[in-house]
Amino acid sequence: MTTYALDDKDNTISAGNGTDFFQGPGGGGDSLRGNGGNDTFDIQTGQTGLIDGGSGYDRIHLTGPGYNKLDAGLNIVGVEELGLVDKG
């Protein structure tokens, strides 16, 4: 598994074909592409841009304060599961 750390700036990451884990705060307009494999995007409220899971079974976990809200500026493609995670 490869882990990609996100920050509050604009991140552009295109992962490989394995299982990948994207983790970080909301903020910038990111372009996150999981490509092949079963990927997890562990993001916070305020995330904008694009999340493209690609092939495989991909998940988005919303975490942090206000973790139950998706930003209208976030486009989601190829993701099979959306979860709310209270890491309080």
Protein backbone atom coordinates (compact mmCIF):
# COMPACT_ATOMS: atom_id res chain seq x y z
CA MET A 1 0.00 0.00 0.00
CA THR A 2 1.20 3.50 -0.82
CA THR A 3 0.17 6.42 1.40
CA TYR A 4 -0.13 9.94 0.02
CA ALA A 5 -0.14 12.81 2.51
CA LEU A 6 -2.31 15.77 1.54
CA ASP A 7 -2.02 19.33 2.80
CA ASP A 8 -4.21 22.44 2.59
CA LYS A 9 -2.74 23.47 -0.77
CA ASP A 10 -3.67 22.25 -4.26
CA ASN A 11 -2.47 18.63 -4.57
CA THR A 12 -2.26 16.75 -7.87
CA ILE A 13 -1.62 13.05 -7.36
CA SER A 14 -2.05 10.19 -9.80
CA ALA A 15 -1.39 6.90 -7.97
CA GLY A 16 -0.34 3.57 -9.40
CA ASN A 17 -2.32 0.39 -9.87
CA GLY A 18 -2.00 -0.92 -6.31
CA THR A 19 -3.95 -0.16 -3.16
CA ASP A 20 -3.46 3.50 -2.18
CA PHE A 21 -4.37 5.60 0.83
CA PHE A 22 -4.86 9.37 0.51
CA GLN A 23 -5.01 11.27 3.79
CA GLY A 24 -5.07 14.90 4.75
CA PRO A 25 -6.96 18.04 5.59
CA GLY A 26 -9.54 19.78 3.46
CA GLY A 27 -8.36 22.89 1.76
CA GLY A 28 -6.97 23.38 -1.74
CA GLY A 29 -8.55 22.27 -4.99
CA ASP A 30 -7.05 18.80 -5.34
CA SER A 31 -6.92 16.37 -8.25
CA LEU A 32 -6.65 12.91 -6.72
CA ARG A 33 -6.66 9.83 -8.98
CA GLY A 34 -6.52 6.37 -7.48
CA ASN A 35 -6.30 4.57 -10.84
CA GLY A 36 -6.28 0.76 -10.44
CA GLY A 37 -6.59 -1.02 -7.11
CA ASN A 38 -8.76 -0.58 -4.03
CA ASP A 39 -8.12 2.95 -2.80
CA THR A 40 -9.17 4.94 0.27
CA PHE A 41 -9.51 8.72 0.37
CA ASP A 42 -9.54 9.89 3.99
CA ILE A 43 -10.53 13.56 3.66
CA GLN A 44 -12.00 16.33 5.75
CA THR A 45 -14.92 18.65 5.10
CA GLY A 46 -13.91 21.44 2.75
CA GLN A 47 -12.20 19.19 0.22
CA THR A 48 -12.71 20.53 -3.31
CA GLY A 49 -11.54 19.48 -6.76
CA LEU A 50 -11.67 15.92 -8.10
CA ILE A 51 -11.53 12.49 -6.55
CA ASP A 52 -11.40 9.75 -9.19
CA GLY A 53 -11.14 6.27 -7.74
CA GLY A 54 -10.46 4.58 -11.08
CA SER A 55 -10.98 0.83 -11.27
CA GLY A 56 -11.27 -1.35 -8.19
CA TYR A 57 -13.41 -0.81 -5.08
CA ASP A 58 -12.71 2.68 -3.78
CA ARG A 59 -13.84 4.48 -0.61
CA ILE A 60 -14.12 8.03 0.67
CA HIS A 61 -14.06 8.54 4.43
CA LEU A 62 -15.14 11.99 5.62
CA THR A 63 -13.42 12.85 8.90
CA GLY A 64 -12.82 15.73 11.27
CA PRO A 65 -15.05 18.61 12.42
CA GLY A 66 -18.25 18.78 10.38
CA TYR A 67 -17.37 15.37 8.93
CA ASN A 68 -20.93 14.87 7.69
CA LYS A 69 -20.76 17.46 4.88
CA LEU A 70 -19.49 17.24 1.32
CA ASP A 71 -18.36 20.47 -0.33
CA ALA A 72 -20.32 21.42 -3.48
CA GLY A 73 -16.96 21.99 -5.21
CA LEU A 74 -15.93 18.32 -4.93
CA ASN A 75 -16.43 16.12 -7.99
CA ILE A 76 -16.46 12.38 -7.31
CA VAL A 77 -15.99 9.73 -10.01
CA GLY A 78 -15.50 5.97 -9.73
CA VAL A 79 -15.98 5.69 -5.97
CA GLU A 80 -18.14 2.87 -4.62
CA GLU A 81 -18.40 3.71 -0.92
CA LEU A 82 -18.84 6.89 1.14
CA GLY A 83 -18.40 6.71 4.90
CA LEU A 84 -18.61 9.15 7.80
CA VAL A 85 -15.86 8.66 10.36
CA ASP A 86 -15.84 10.48 13.70
CA LYS A 87 -12.22 10.60 14.81
CA GLY A 88 -13.31 13.11 17.48
